[in-house]
Full PDB file with SEQRES, HELIX, SHEET, SSBOND, CRYST1, ORIGX, SCALE, CONECT and MASTER records, all heavy atoms in Angstrom:
SEQRES   1 A   39  ARG GLY ALA PHE GLY LYS PHE ILE ILE HIS GLY HIS THR          
SEQRES   2 A   39  PRO MET SER ASP VAL ASP VAL GLN PRO ASN ARG ILE GLY          
SEQRES   3 A   39  ILE ASP THR GLY ALA ALA TYR GLY GLY LYS LEU THR ALA          
HELIX    1 AA1 ALA A   31  TYR A   33  5                                   3    
SHEET    1 AA1 3 ILE A   8  HIS A  10  0                                        
SHEET    2 AA1 3 ARG A  24  GLY A  26  1                                        
SHEET    3 AA1 3 ASP A  19  GLN A  21 -1                                        
CRYST1    1.000    1.000    1.000  90.00  90.00  90.00 P 1           1          
ORIGX1      1.000000  0.000000  0.000000        0.00000                         
ORIGX2      0.000000  1.000000  0.000000        0.00000                         
ORIGX3      0.000000  0.000000  1.000000        0.00000                         
SCALE1      1.000000  0.000000  0.000000        0.00000                         
SCALE2      0.000000  1.000000  0.000000        0.00000                         
SCALE3      0.000000  0.000000  1.000000        0.00000                         
ATOM      1  N   ARG A   1      20.747   7.078   5.699  1.00  0.00           N  
ATOM      2  CA  ARG A   1      21.075   6.271   4.541  1.00  0.00           C  
ATOM      3  C   ARG A   1      22.431   5.605   4.632  1.00  0.00           C  
ATOM      4  O   ARG A   1      22.869   4.819   3.783  1.00  0.00           O  
ATOM      5  CB  ARG A   1      20.953   7.077   3.230  1.00  0.00           C  
ATOM      6  CG  ARG A   1      19.497   7.456   2.962  1.00  0.00           C  
ATOM      7  CD  ARG A   1      18.688   6.189   2.803  1.00  0.00           C  
ATOM      8  NE  ARG A   1      17.149   6.684   2.576  1.00  0.00           N  
ATOM      9  CZ  ARG A   1      16.305   6.678   3.479  1.00  0.00           C  
ATOM     10  NH1 ARG A   1      16.567   6.275   4.731  1.00  0.00           N  
ATOM     11  NH2 ARG A   1      15.050   7.058   3.253  1.00  0.00           N  
ATOM     12  N   GLY A   2      23.167   5.895   5.749  1.00  0.00           N  
ATOM     13  CA  GLY A   2      24.534   5.265   5.883  1.00  0.00           C  
ATOM     14  C   GLY A   2      24.391   3.894   6.543  1.00  0.00           C  
ATOM     15  O   GLY A   2      23.230   3.411   6.861  1.00  0.00           O  
ATOM     16  N   ALA A   3      25.470   3.247   6.591  1.00  0.00           N  
ATOM     17  CA  ALA A   3      25.501   1.812   7.127  1.00  0.00           C  
ATOM     18  C   ALA A   3      25.307   1.861   8.630  1.00  0.00           C  
ATOM     19  O   ALA A   3      25.646   2.822   9.332  1.00  0.00           O  
ATOM     20  CB  ALA A   3      26.762   1.140   6.837  1.00  0.00           C  
ATOM     21  N   PHE A   4      24.653   0.882   9.149  1.00  0.00           N  
ATOM     22  CA  PHE A   4      24.363   0.706  10.663  1.00  0.00           C  
ATOM     23  C   PHE A   4      25.392  -0.372  11.197  1.00  0.00           C  
ATOM     24  O   PHE A   4      25.350  -0.493  12.430  1.00  0.00           O  
ATOM     25  CB  PHE A   4      22.944   0.274  10.907  1.00  0.00           C  
ATOM     26  CG  PHE A   4      21.957   1.342  10.525  1.00  0.00           C  
ATOM     27  CD1 PHE A   4      20.991   1.031   9.577  1.00  0.00           C  
ATOM     28  CD2 PHE A   4      21.922   2.516  11.231  1.00  0.00           C  
ATOM     29  CE1 PHE A   4      20.057   2.035   9.252  1.00  0.00           C  
ATOM     30  CE2 PHE A   4      20.979   3.508  10.882  1.00  0.00           C  
ATOM     31  CZ  PHE A   4      20.027   3.232   9.933  1.00  0.00           C  
ATOM     32  N   GLY A   5      25.993  -1.139  10.415  1.00  0.00           N  
ATOM     33  CA  GLY A   5      26.865  -2.215  10.905  1.00  0.00           C  
ATOM     34  C   GLY A   5      26.211  -3.559  10.662  1.00  0.00           C  
ATOM     35  O   GLY A   5      26.869  -4.623  10.544  1.00  0.00           O  
ATOM     36  N   LYS A   6      24.871  -3.537  10.587  1.00  0.00           N  
ATOM     37  CA  LYS A   6      24.061  -4.711  10.178  1.00  0.00           C  
ATOM     38  C   LYS A   6      22.944  -4.135   9.359  1.00  0.00           C  
ATOM     39  O   LYS A   6      22.565  -2.989   9.482  1.00  0.00           O  
ATOM     40  CB  LYS A   6      23.478  -5.470  11.332  1.00  0.00           C  
ATOM     41  CG  LYS A   6      24.514  -6.231  12.255  1.00  0.00           C  
ATOM     42  CD  LYS A   6      24.750  -7.538  11.746  1.00  0.00           C  
ATOM     43  CE  LYS A   6      25.515  -8.419  12.719  1.00  0.00           C  
ATOM     44  NZ  LYS A   6      25.851  -9.775  12.234  1.00  0.00           N  
ATOM     45  N   PHE A   7      22.353  -4.953   8.493  1.00  0.00           N  
ATOM     46  CA  PHE A   7      21.160  -4.543   7.752  1.00  0.00           C  
ATOM     47  C   PHE A   7      19.965  -4.670   8.813  1.00  0.00           C  
ATOM     48  O   PHE A   7      19.677  -5.758   9.316  1.00  0.00           O  
ATOM     49  CB  PHE A   7      20.934  -5.395   6.549  1.00  0.00           C  
ATOM     50  CG  PHE A   7      19.862  -4.825   5.538  1.00  0.00           C  
ATOM     51  CD1 PHE A   7      20.323  -4.109   4.475  1.00  0.00           C  
ATOM     52  CD2 PHE A   7      18.533  -5.071   5.798  1.00  0.00           C  
ATOM     53  CE1 PHE A   7      19.460  -3.591   3.551  1.00  0.00           C  
ATOM     54  CE2 PHE A   7      17.666  -4.494   4.856  1.00  0.00           C  
ATOM     55  CZ  PHE A   7      18.115  -3.779   3.751  1.00  0.00           C  
ATOM     56  N   ILE A   8      19.152  -3.631   8.920  1.00  0.00           N  
ATOM     57  CA  ILE A   8      18.142  -3.635   9.973  1.00  0.00           C  
ATOM     58  C   ILE A   8      16.754  -4.048   9.416  1.00  0.00           C  
ATOM     59  O   ILE A   8      16.321  -3.451   8.381  1.00  0.00           O  
ATOM     60  CB  ILE A   8      18.021  -2.210  10.640  1.00  0.00           C  
ATOM     61  CG1 ILE A   8      19.396  -1.719  11.062  1.00  0.00           C  
ATOM     62  CG2 ILE A   8      16.929  -2.234  11.718  1.00  0.00           C  
ATOM     63  CD1 ILE A   8      19.967  -2.560  12.139  1.00  0.00           C  
ATOM     64  N   ILE A   9      16.095  -4.881  10.085  1.00  0.00           N  
ATOM     65  CA  ILE A   9      14.644  -5.276   9.787  1.00  0.00           C  
ATOM     66  C   ILE A   9      13.915  -4.805  10.956  1.00  0.00           C  
ATOM     67  O   ILE A   9      14.175  -5.165  12.162  1.00  0.00           O  
ATOM     68  CB  ILE A   9      14.497  -6.799   9.497  1.00  0.00           C  
ATOM     69  CG1 ILE A   9      15.262  -7.188   8.273  1.00  0.00           C  
ATOM     70  CG2 ILE A   9      13.020  -7.083   9.395  1.00  0.00           C  
ATOM     71  CD1 ILE A   9      15.196  -8.641   7.928  1.00  0.00           C  
ATOM     72  N   HIS A  10      12.850  -4.020  10.774  1.00  0.00           N  
ATOM     73  CA  HIS A  10      12.083  -3.391  11.863  1.00  0.00           C  
ATOM     74  C   HIS A  10      10.651  -3.268  11.562  1.00  0.00           C  
ATOM     75  O   HIS A  10      10.251  -3.399  10.381  1.00  0.00           O  
ATOM     76  CB  HIS A  10      12.711  -2.018  12.256  1.00  0.00           C  
ATOM     77  CG  HIS A  10      12.538  -0.999  11.123  1.00  0.00           C  
ATOM     78  ND1 HIS A  10      11.536  -0.179  11.102  1.00  0.00           N  
ATOM     79  CD2 HIS A  10      13.219  -0.761   9.962  1.00  0.00           C  
ATOM     80  CE1 HIS A  10      11.523   0.618  10.021  1.00  0.00           C  
ATOM     81  NE2 HIS A  10      12.621   0.215   9.314  1.00  0.00           N  
ATOM     82  N   GLY A  11       9.879  -2.913  12.597  1.00  0.00           N  
ATOM     83  CA  GLY A  11       8.447  -2.626  12.440  1.00  0.00           C  
ATOM     84  C   GLY A  11       8.289  -1.122  13.001  1.00  0.00           C  
ATOM     85  O   GLY A  11       8.972  -0.287  12.729  1.00  0.00           O  
ATOM     86  N   HIS A  12       7.256  -1.080  13.811  1.00  0.00           N  
ATOM     87  CA  HIS A  12       7.038   0.193  14.617  1.00  0.00           C  
ATOM     88  C   HIS A  12       6.353   1.324  13.855  1.00  0.00           C  
ATOM     89  O   HIS A  12       5.421   2.053  14.306  1.00  0.00           O  
ATOM     90  CB  HIS A  12       8.244   0.649  15.241  1.00  0.00           C  
ATOM     91  CG  HIS A  12       8.131   1.819  16.276  1.00  0.00           C  
ATOM     92  ND1 HIS A  12       7.260   1.805  17.288  1.00  0.00           N  
ATOM     93  CD2 HIS A  12       8.760   3.057  16.231  1.00  0.00           C  
ATOM     94  CE1 HIS A  12       7.412   2.922  17.926  1.00  0.00           C  
ATOM     95  NE2 HIS A  12       8.241   3.696  17.324  1.00  0.00           N  
ATOM     96  N   THR A  13       6.928   1.708  12.619  1.00  0.00           N  
ATOM     97  CA  THR A  13       6.388   2.801  11.917  1.00  0.00           C  
ATOM     98  C   THR A  13       5.507   2.266  10.774  1.00  0.00           C  
ATOM     99  O   THR A  13       6.080   1.689   9.785  1.00  0.00           O  
ATOM    100  CB  THR A  13       7.587   3.589  11.364  1.00  0.00           C  
ATOM    101  OG1 THR A  13       8.363   4.102  12.420  1.00  0.00           O  
ATOM    102  CG2 THR A  13       6.994   4.845  10.512  1.00  0.00           C  
ATOM    103  N   PRO A  14       4.192   2.458  10.821  1.00  0.00           N  
ATOM    104  CA  PRO A  14       3.295   1.864   9.904  1.00  0.00           C  
ATOM    105  C   PRO A  14       3.428   2.578   8.575  1.00  0.00           C  
ATOM    106  O   PRO A  14       3.473   3.763   8.429  1.00  0.00           O  
ATOM    107  CB  PRO A  14       1.893   2.025  10.454  1.00  0.00           C  
ATOM    108  CG  PRO A  14       2.051   3.119  11.431  1.00  0.00           C  
ATOM    109  CD  PRO A  14       3.398   2.986  11.982  1.00  0.00           C  
ATOM    110  N   MET A  15       3.439   1.821   7.460  1.00  0.00           N  
ATOM    111  CA  MET A  15       3.445   2.279   6.092  1.00  0.00           C  
ATOM    112  C   MET A  15       2.459   1.444   5.310  1.00  0.00           C  
ATOM    113  O   MET A  15       1.973   0.437   5.694  1.00  0.00           O  
ATOM    114  CB  MET A  15       4.825   2.047   5.469  1.00  0.00           C  
ATOM    115  CG  MET A  15       5.993   2.742   6.300  1.00  0.00           C  
ATOM    116  SD  MET A  15       5.990   4.445   6.215  1.00  0.00           S  
ATOM    117  CE  MET A  15       6.677   4.679   4.494  1.00  0.00           C  
ATOM    118  N   SER A  16       2.063   2.042   4.192  1.00  0.00           N  
ATOM    119  CA  SER A  16       1.073   1.323   3.328  1.00  0.00           C  
ATOM    120  C   SER A  16       1.666   0.144   2.689  1.00  0.00           C  
ATOM    121  O   SER A  16       0.932  -0.834   2.305  1.00  0.00           O  
ATOM    122  CB  SER A  16       0.441   2.252   2.193  1.00  0.00           C  
ATOM    123  OG  SER A  16       1.435   2.718   1.410  1.00  0.00           O  
ATOM    124  N   ASP A  17       2.999   0.082   2.520  1.00  0.00           N  
ATOM    125  CA  ASP A  17       3.669  -1.093   1.954  1.00  0.00           C  
ATOM    126  C   ASP A  17       5.038  -1.230   2.637  1.00  0.00           C  
ATOM    127  O   ASP A  17       5.426  -0.342   3.412  1.00  0.00           O  
ATOM    128  CB  ASP A  17       3.752  -0.931   0.482  1.00  0.00           C  
ATOM    129  CG  ASP A  17       3.921  -2.367  -0.257  1.00  0.00           C  
ATOM    130  OD1 ASP A  17       4.085  -3.294   0.382  1.00  0.00           O  
ATOM    131  OD2 ASP A  17       3.787  -2.242  -1.484  1.00  0.00           O  
ATOM    132  N   VAL A  18       5.789  -2.291   2.329  1.00  0.00           N  
ATOM    133  CA  VAL A  18       7.061  -2.428   2.959  1.00  0.00           C  
ATOM    134  C   VAL A  18       7.936  -1.305   2.525  1.00  0.00           C  
ATOM    135  O   VAL A  18       7.865  -0.724   1.422  1.00  0.00           O  
ATOM    136  CB  VAL A  18       7.695  -3.823   2.473  1.00  0.00           C  
ATOM    137  CG1 VAL A  18       6.954  -4.910   3.137  1.00  0.00           C  
ATOM    138  CG2 VAL A  18       7.691  -3.988   1.039  1.00  0.00           C  
ATOM    139  N   ASP A  19       8.789  -0.941   3.455  1.00  0.00           N  
ATOM    140  CA  ASP A  19       9.691   0.336   3.293  1.00  0.00           C  
ATOM    141  C   ASP A  19      11.086  -0.285   3.076  1.00  0.00           C  
ATOM    142  O   ASP A  19      11.756  -0.532   4.060  1.00  0.00           O  
ATOM    143  CB  ASP A  19       9.584   1.238   4.508  1.00  0.00           C  
ATOM    144  CG  ASP A  19      10.450   2.446   4.399  1.00  0.00           C  
ATOM    145  OD1 ASP A  19      10.846   2.787   3.206  1.00  0.00           O  
ATOM    146  OD2 ASP A  19      10.615   3.117   5.362  1.00  0.00           O  
ATOM    147  N   VAL A  20      11.506  -0.367   1.804  1.00  0.00           N  
ATOM    148  CA  VAL A  20      12.769  -0.950   1.456  1.00  0.00           C  
ATOM    149  C   VAL A  20      13.752   0.165   1.268  1.00  0.00           C  
ATOM    150  O   VAL A  20      13.606   0.988   0.316  1.00  0.00           O  
ATOM    151  CB  VAL A  20      12.686  -1.878   0.208  1.00  0.00           C  
ATOM    152  CG1 VAL A  20      14.079  -2.498  -0.081  1.00  0.00           C  
ATOM    153  CG2 VAL A  20      11.679  -2.969   0.455  1.00  0.00           C  
ATOM    154  N   GLN A  21      14.831   0.170   1.991  1.00  0.00           N  
ATOM    155  CA  GLN A  21      15.927   1.194   1.918  1.00  0.00           C  
ATOM    156  C   GLN A  21      17.222   0.442   1.834  1.00  0.00           C  
ATOM    157  O   GLN A  21      17.256  -0.793   2.064  1.00  0.00           O  
ATOM    158  CB  GLN A  21      15.871   2.049   3.133  1.00  0.00           C  
ATOM    159  CG  GLN A  21      14.564   2.843   3.340  1.00  0.00           C  
ATOM    160  CD  GLN A  21      14.289   3.784   2.172  1.00  0.00           C  
ATOM    161  OE1 GLN A  21      15.185   4.232   1.456  1.00  0.00           O  
ATOM    162  NE2 GLN A  21      12.952   4.125   1.965  1.00  0.00           N  
ATOM    163  N   PRO A  22      18.296   1.220   1.414  1.00  0.00           N  
ATOM    164  CA  PRO A  22      19.622   0.525   1.185  1.00  0.00           C  
ATOM    165  C   PRO A  22      20.173  -0.096   2.499  1.00  0.00           C  
ATOM    166  O   PRO A  22      21.097  -0.975   2.406  1.00  0.00           O  
ATOM    167  CB  PRO A  22      20.452   1.675   0.777  1.00  0.00           C  
ATOM    168  CG  PRO A  22      19.608   2.686   0.254  1.00  0.00           C  
ATOM    169  CD  PRO A  22      18.356   2.571   1.122  1.00  0.00           C  
ATOM    170  N   ASN A  23      19.704   0.325   3.628  1.00  0.00           N  
ATOM    171  CA  ASN A  23      20.323  -0.138   4.939  1.00  0.00           C  
ATOM    172  C   ASN A  23      19.295  -0.732   5.877  1.00  0.00           C  
ATOM    173  O   ASN A  23      19.692  -1.152   6.996  1.00  0.00           O  
ATOM    174  CB  ASN A  23      21.010   1.083   5.680  1.00  0.00           C  
ATOM    175  CG  ASN A  23      20.127   2.212   5.761  1.00  0.00           C  
ATOM    176  OD1 ASN A  23      18.943   2.259   5.448  1.00  0.00           O  
ATOM    177  ND2 ASN A  23      20.641   3.374   6.362  1.00  0.00           N  
ATOM    178  N   ARG A  24      17.977  -0.818   5.497  1.00  0.00           N  
ATOM    179  CA  ARG A  24      16.935  -1.237   6.401  1.00  0.00           C  
ATOM    180  C   ARG A  24      15.717  -1.528   5.632  1.00  0.00           C  
ATOM    181  O   ARG A  24      15.487  -1.171   4.460  1.00  0.00           O  
ATOM    182  CB  ARG A  24      16.553  -0.198   7.407  1.00  0.00           C  
ATOM    183  CG  ARG A  24      15.985   1.096   6.870  1.00  0.00           C  
ATOM    184  CD  ARG A  24      15.378   2.064   7.906  1.00  0.00           C  
ATOM    185  NE  ARG A  24      14.697   3.152   7.238  1.00  0.00           N  
ATOM    186  CZ  ARG A  24      13.519   3.192   6.901  1.00  0.00           C  
ATOM    187  NH1 ARG A  24      12.739   2.158   7.037  1.00  0.00           N  
ATOM    188  NH2 ARG A  24      13.043   4.337   6.267  1.00  0.00           N  
ATOM    189  N   ILE A  25      14.818  -2.390   6.223  1.00  0.00           N  
ATOM    190  CA  ILE A  25      13.503  -2.641   5.639  1.00  0.00           C  
ATOM    191  C   ILE A  25      12.530  -2.554   6.787  1.00  0.00           C  
ATOM    192  O   ILE A  25      12.612  -3.288   7.817  1.00  0.00           O  
ATOM    193  CB  ILE A  25      13.383  -4.084   5.018  1.00  0.00           C  
ATOM    194  CG1 ILE A  25      14.295  -4.056   3.713  1.00  0.00           C  
ATOM    195  CG2 ILE A  25      11.976  -4.373   4.614  1.00  0.00           C  
ATOM    196  CD1 ILE A  25      14.401  -5.403   3.111  1.00  0.00           C  
ATOM    197  N   GLY A  26      11.401  -1.737   6.627  1.00  0.00           N  
ATOM    198  CA  GLY A  26      10.326  -1.680   7.566  1.00  0.00           C  
ATOM    199  C   GLY A  26       9.169  -2.566   7.103  1.00  0.00           C  
ATOM    200  O   GLY A  26       8.755  -2.389   5.918  1.00  0.00           O  
ATOM    201  N   ILE A  27       8.678  -3.335   8.007  1.00  0.00           N  
ATOM    202  CA  ILE A  27       7.595  -4.320   7.538  1.00  0.00           C  
ATOM    203  C   ILE A  27       6.332  -4.136   8.480  1.00  0.00           C  
ATOM    204  O   ILE A  27       5.477  -4.977   8.492  1.00  0.00           O  
ATOM    205  CB  ILE A  27       8.034  -5.726   7.562  1.00  0.00           C  
ATOM    206  CG1 ILE A  27       8.529  -6.223   8.941  1.00  0.00           C  
ATOM    207  CG2 ILE A  27       9.161  -6.017   6.575  1.00  0.00           C  
ATOM    208  CD1 ILE A  27       8.701  -7.721   9.006  1.00  0.00           C  
ATOM    209  N   ASP A  28       6.169  -2.957   9.135  1.00  0.00           N  
ATOM    210  CA  ASP A  28       4.838  -2.659   9.649  1.00  0.00           C  
ATOM    211  C   ASP A  28       4.037  -2.093   8.552  1.00  0.00           C  
ATOM    212  O   ASP A  28       4.197  -0.902   8.159  1.00  0.00           O  
ATOM    213  CB  ASP A  28       5.036  -1.677  10.821  1.00  0.00           C  
ATOM    214  CG  ASP A  28       3.695  -1.349  11.574  1.00  0.00           C  
ATOM    215  OD1 ASP A  28       2.650  -1.695  11.059  1.00  0.00           O  
ATOM    216  OD2 ASP A  28       3.698  -0.639  12.583  1.00  0.00           O  
ATOM    217  N   THR A  29       3.061  -2.829   8.112  1.00  0.00           N  
ATOM    218  CA  THR A  29       2.209  -2.398   6.983  1.00  0.00           C  
ATOM    219  C   THR A  29       0.754  -2.123   7.510  1.00  0.00           C  
ATOM    220  O   THR A  29      -0.178  -2.269   6.734  1.00  0.00           O  
ATOM    221  CB  THR A  29       2.212  -3.368   5.856  1.00  0.00           C  
ATOM    222  OG1 THR A  29       2.071  -4.738   6.266  1.00  0.00           O  
ATOM    223  CG2 THR A  29       3.508  -3.301   5.094  1.00  0.00           C  
ATOM    224  N   GLY A  30       0.658  -1.705   8.724  1.00  0.00           N  
ATOM    225  CA  GLY A  30      -0.571  -1.092   9.207  1.00  0.00           C  
ATOM    226  C   GLY A  30      -1.628  -2.100   9.599  1.00  0.00           C  
ATOM    227  O   GLY A  30      -2.872  -1.732   9.413  1.00  0.00           O  
ATOM    228  N   ALA A  31      -1.392  -3.205  10.024  1.00  0.00           N  
ATOM    229  CA  ALA A  31      -2.403  -4.218  10.442  1.00  0.00           C  
ATOM    230  C   ALA A  31      -3.343  -3.551  11.536  1.00  0.00           C  
ATOM    231  O   ALA A  31      -4.517  -3.916  11.496  1.00  0.00           O  
ATOM    232  CB  ALA A  31      -1.774  -5.447  10.964  1.00  0.00           C  
ATOM    233  N   ALA A  32      -2.771  -2.653  12.235  1.00  0.00           N  
ATOM    234  CA  ALA A  32      -3.650  -2.087  13.392  1.00  0.00           C  
ATOM    235  C   ALA A  32      -4.636  -1.132  12.784  1.00  0.00           C  
ATOM    236  O   ALA A  32      -5.630  -0.775  13.431  1.00  0.00           O  
ATOM    237  CB  ALA A  32      -2.732  -1.383  14.254  1.00  0.00           C  
ATOM    238  N   TYR A  33      -4.474  -0.673  11.580  1.00  0.00           N  
ATOM    239  CA  TYR A  33      -5.269   0.384  11.022  1.00  0.00           C  
ATOM    240  C   TYR A  33      -6.107  -0.144   9.847  1.00  0.00           C  
ATOM    241  O   TYR A  33      -6.371   0.670   8.875  1.00  0.00           O  
ATOM    242  CB  TYR A  33      -4.389   1.560  10.605  1.00  0.00           C  
ATOM    243  CG  TYR A  33      -3.704   2.088  11.742  1.00  0.00           C  
ATOM    244  CD1 TYR A  33      -2.271   1.812  11.917  1.00  0.00           C  
ATOM    245  CD2 TYR A  33      -4.340   2.899  12.683  1.00  0.00           C  
ATOM    246  CE1 TYR A  33      -1.590   2.265  12.921  1.00  0.00           C  
ATOM    247  CE2 TYR A  33      -3.480   3.347  13.794  1.00  0.00           C  
ATOM    248  CZ  TYR A  33      -2.164   3.134  13.920  1.00  0.00           C  
ATOM    249  OH  TYR A  33      -1.418   3.568  15.010  1.00  0.00           O  
ATOM    250  N   GLY A  34      -6.374  -1.467   9.746  1.00  0.00           N  
ATOM    251  CA  GLY A  34      -7.002  -1.961   8.598  1.00  0.00           C  
ATOM    252  C   GLY A  34      -6.147  -2.348   7.392  1.00  0.00           C  
ATOM    253  O   GLY A  34      -6.666  -2.568   6.247  1.00  0.00           O  
ATOM    254  N   GLY A  35      -4.844  -2.258   7.564  1.00  0.00           N  
ATOM    255  CA  GLY A  35      -3.859  -2.532   6.463  1.00  0.00           C  
ATOM    256  C   GLY A  35      -3.517  -3.991   6.483  1.00  0.00           C  
ATOM    257  O   GLY A  35      -4.212  -4.850   6.907  1.00  0.00           O  
ATOM    258  N   LYS A  36      -2.326  -4.294   6.009  1.00  0.00           N  
ATOM    259  CA  LYS A  36      -1.824  -5.657   5.854  1.00  0.00           C  
ATOM    260  C   LYS A  36      -0.937  -6.039   7.024  1.00  0.00           C  
ATOM    261  O   LYS A  36      -0.389  -5.245   7.757  1.00  0.00           O  
ATOM    262  CB  LYS A  36      -0.988  -5.755   4.504  1.00  0.00           C  
ATOM    263  CG  LYS A  36      -1.808  -5.407   3.348  1.00  0.00           C  
ATOM    264  CD  LYS A  36      -0.928  -5.473   2.158  1.00  0.00           C  
ATOM    265  CE  LYS A  36       0.146  -4.319   2.020  1.00  0.00           C  
ATOM    266  NZ  LYS A  36       0.970  -4.357   0.778  1.00  0.00           N  
ATOM    267  N   LEU A  37      -0.830  -7.393   7.246  1.00  0.00           N  
ATOM    268  CA  LEU A  37       0.235  -7.861   8.097  1.00  0.00           C  
ATOM    269  C   LEU A  37       1.232  -8.538   7.186  1.00  0.00           C  
ATOM    270  O   LEU A  37       0.890  -9.363   6.357  1.00  0.00           O  
ATOM    271  CB  LEU A  37      -0.366  -8.924   9.082  1.00  0.00           C  
ATOM    272  CG  LEU A  37       0.619  -9.536  10.062  1.00  0.00           C  
ATOM    273  CD1 LEU A  37       1.272  -8.552  11.005  1.00  0.00           C  
ATOM    274  CD2 LEU A  37      -0.127 -10.637  10.883  1.00  0.00           C  
ATOM    275  N   THR A  38       2.472  -8.276   7.404  1.00  0.00           N  
ATOM    276  CA  THR A  38       3.508  -8.642   6.395  1.00  0.00           C  
ATOM    277  C   THR A  38       4.715  -9.397   7.207  1.00  0.00           C  
ATOM    278  O   THR A  38       5.065  -9.147   8.226  1.00  0.00           O  
ATOM    279  CB  THR A  38       4.168  -7.374   5.716  1.00  0.00           C  
ATOM    280  OG1 THR A  38       3.086  -6.802   4.916  1.00  0.00           O  
ATOM    281  CG2 THR A  38       5.326  -7.740   4.926  1.00  0.00           C  
ATOM    282  N   ALA A  39       5.171 -10.371   6.449  1.00  0.00           N  
ATOM    283  CA  ALA A  39       6.437 -11.107   6.811  1.00  0.00           C  
ATOM    284  C   ALA A  39       7.416 -10.875   5.701  1.00  0.00           C  
ATOM    285  O   ALA A  39       7.122 -10.857   4.473  1.00  0.00           O  
ATOM    286  CB  ALA A  39       6.100 -12.587   7.000  1.00  0.00           C  
TER     287      ALA A  39                                                      
MASTER        0    0    0    1    3    0    0    6  286    1    0    3          
END                                                                             
Protein backbone atom coordinates (compact mmCIF):
# COMPACT_ATOMS: atom_id res chain seq x y z
CA ARG A 1 0.00 0.00 0.00
CA GLY A 2 3.03 2.30 -0.08
CA ALA A 3 4.05 4.55 -2.93
CA PHE A 4 5.80 3.07 -5.96
CA GLY A 5 7.09 6.35 -7.39
CA LYS A 6 4.34 6.36 -10.03
CA PHE A 7 0.69 5.34 -9.87
CA ILE A 8 0.58 1.85 -11.44
CA ILE A 9 -2.00 0.69 -13.97
CA HIS A 10 -1.77 -3.05 -14.64
CA GLY A 11 -3.53 -6.22 -15.74
CA HIS A 12 -2.39 -9.85 -15.24
CA THR A 13 -4.40 -10.68 -12.10
CA PRO A 14 -8.05 -11.26 -13.05
CA MET A 15 -10.73 -9.82 -10.78
CA SER A 16 -14.51 -9.63 -11.07
CA ASP A 17 -14.26 -5.84 -11.21
CA VAL A 18 -11.59 -3.17 -11.41
CA ASP A 19 -9.23 -3.29 -8.44
CA VAL A 20 -8.79 0.32 -7.26
CA GLN A 21 -6.12 0.86 -4.60
CA PRO A 22 -4.37 4.01 -3.31
CA ASN A 23 -1.25 3.26 -5.37
CA ARG A 24 -2.47 1.14 -8.29
CA ILE A 25 -5.46 0.05 -10.38
CA GLY A 26 -5.83 -3.43 -11.85
CA ILE A 27 -8.04 -3.66 -14.93
CA ASP A 28 -7.92 -7.37 -15.81
CA THR A 29 -11.60 -8.15 -15.30
CA GLY A 30 -11.53 -11.73 -16.53
CA ALA A 31 -12.26 -11.54 -20.26
CA ALA A 32 -10.49 -14.90 -20.57
CA TYR A 33 -12.95 -16.51 -18.14
CA GLY A 34 -16.25 -15.17 -19.42
CA GLY A 35 -15.90 -11.88 -17.58
CA LYS A 36 -15.57 -8.32 -18.82
CA LEU A 37 -12.95 -6.55 -20.89
CA THR A 38 -12.19 -3.19 -19.31
CA ALA A 39 -10.51 0.08 -20.26
